[in-house]
Protein backbone atom coordinates (compact mmCIF):
# COMPACT_ATOMS: atom_id res chain seq x y z
CA MET A 1 11.48 -6.54 -9.25
CA ALA A 2 10.25 -10.15 -7.82
CA GLY A 3 9.93 -11.77 -4.52
CA PHE A 4 8.21 -13.30 -1.96
CA THR A 5 5.35 -12.15 0.29
CA ASN A 6 4.48 -13.94 3.99
CA ALA A 7 1.22 -13.69 5.41
CA ARG A 8 0.95 -15.19 9.06
CA ALA A 9 -2.29 -14.93 11.28
CA LYS A 10 -2.18 -16.40 15.13
CA VAL A 11 -4.96 -15.85 17.73
CA ASN A 12 -3.94 -15.64 21.44
CA PRO A 13 -6.07 -18.63 23.03
CA THR A 14 -5.95 -17.09 26.50
CA VAL A 15 -8.00 -14.11 25.06
CA CYS A 16 -10.58 -16.71 23.91
CA ILE A 17 -11.16 -18.32 26.99
CA GLN A 18 -11.50 -14.98 28.82
CA GLN A 19 -13.76 -13.26 26.29
CA LEU A 20 -15.65 -15.93 24.12
CA GLY A 21 -15.68 -18.96 27.05
CA PHE A 22 -14.24 -21.44 24.27
CA ILE A 23 -10.64 -22.34 23.16
CA CYS A 24 -9.67 -21.06 19.84
CA PRO A 25 -6.20 -22.02 18.88
CA PHE A 26 -5.40 -20.63 15.72
CA SER A 27 -1.93 -20.23 13.58
CA ASP A 28 -1.39 -19.97 9.90
CA SER A 29 1.62 -18.61 7.64
CA GLU A 30 1.72 -18.86 3.91
CA THR A 31 4.34 -17.41 1.76
CA GLY A 32 3.59 -17.15 -2.25
CA PHE A 33 4.65 -14.85 -5.15
CA ALA A 34 4.95 -11.09 -5.09
CA GLY A 35 6.05 -8.56 -7.81
CA VAL A 36 6.42 -4.56 -8.88
CA PHE A 37 6.35 -3.78 -12.36
CA GLY A 38 6.39 -0.34 -13.59
CA GLY A 39 8.11 3.05 -14.86
CA GLY A 40 7.93 6.49 -14.89
CA LEU A 41 8.50 10.11 -16.88
CA ASP A 42 11.53 12.18 -15.64
CA PHE A 43 12.09 15.73 -16.88
CA ARG A 44 15.83 17.22 -15.73
CA VAL A 45 15.22 20.55 -14.15
CA ASN A 46 19.36 20.50 -13.64
CA ASP A 47 22.00 18.18 -13.25
CA ARG A 48 21.12 16.98 -9.45
CA VAL A 49 17.09 17.11 -9.97
CA ASP A 50 14.54 15.91 -11.92
CA PHE A 51 10.83 16.37 -12.30
CA ARG A 52 8.90 13.13 -12.02
CA ALA A 53 5.48 13.84 -13.87
CA ILE A 54 4.38 10.36 -13.63
CA GLN A 55 5.14 7.04 -12.10
CA VAL A 56 2.70 3.77 -12.56
CA ASP A 57 3.62 0.63 -10.45
CA PHE A 58 1.69 -2.48 -10.64
CA HIS A 59 1.80 -4.78 -7.44
CA PRO A 60 0.54 -8.35 -8.04
CA THR A 61 0.77 -10.60 -5.22
CA ARG A 62 -0.16 -14.88 -5.00
CA LEU A 63 -1.03 -16.32 -1.76
CA GLY A 64 -2.60 -20.00 -2.07
CA SER A 65 -5.13 -20.10 -4.96
CA GLU A 66 -5.79 -16.20 -4.21
CA SER A 67 -4.24 -13.28 -6.08
CA GLN A 68 -4.47 -9.46 -5.38
CA ALA A 69 -3.43 -6.89 -8.34
CA ASN A 70 -2.54 -3.39 -6.58
CA PHE A 71 -1.57 -0.31 -8.50
CA ARG A 72 0.35 2.87 -6.96
CA VAL A 73 0.42 6.51 -9.01
CA GLY A 74 2.50 9.01 -8.18
CA MET A 75 4.46 12.23 -8.76
CA GLY A 76 7.51 14.26 -7.48
CA VAL A 77 11.02 15.24 -7.33
CA VAL A 78 14.09 13.28 -7.74
CA PHE A 79 17.17 14.20 -6.15
CA ARG A 80 20.15 12.40 -7.48
C-alpha cells in the first residue's frame, strides 16, 4: 500500500506572549510519501478462523529530505 503523509505544526502566538514575553508566530505543513509493505503466515483453524503465526510490516515515510523506517510485528486470530 502506498500513499501520502502530512505533518503540521502550529504555535499559538498568544501563549508565547503570555508565557515567554515575545511573539513567536509559527506554522508549517509538509506532505510526503508513506507506504506499508509486508506479509504474514496464517494457519487455518476452521472455515471461519485462521491463526496468524507472524505478521511483519515495514512503514517507510519521507517528508522533505528526512526519512523514517518503522517496523511492526504481530500475531493473532483472523476471523473471516
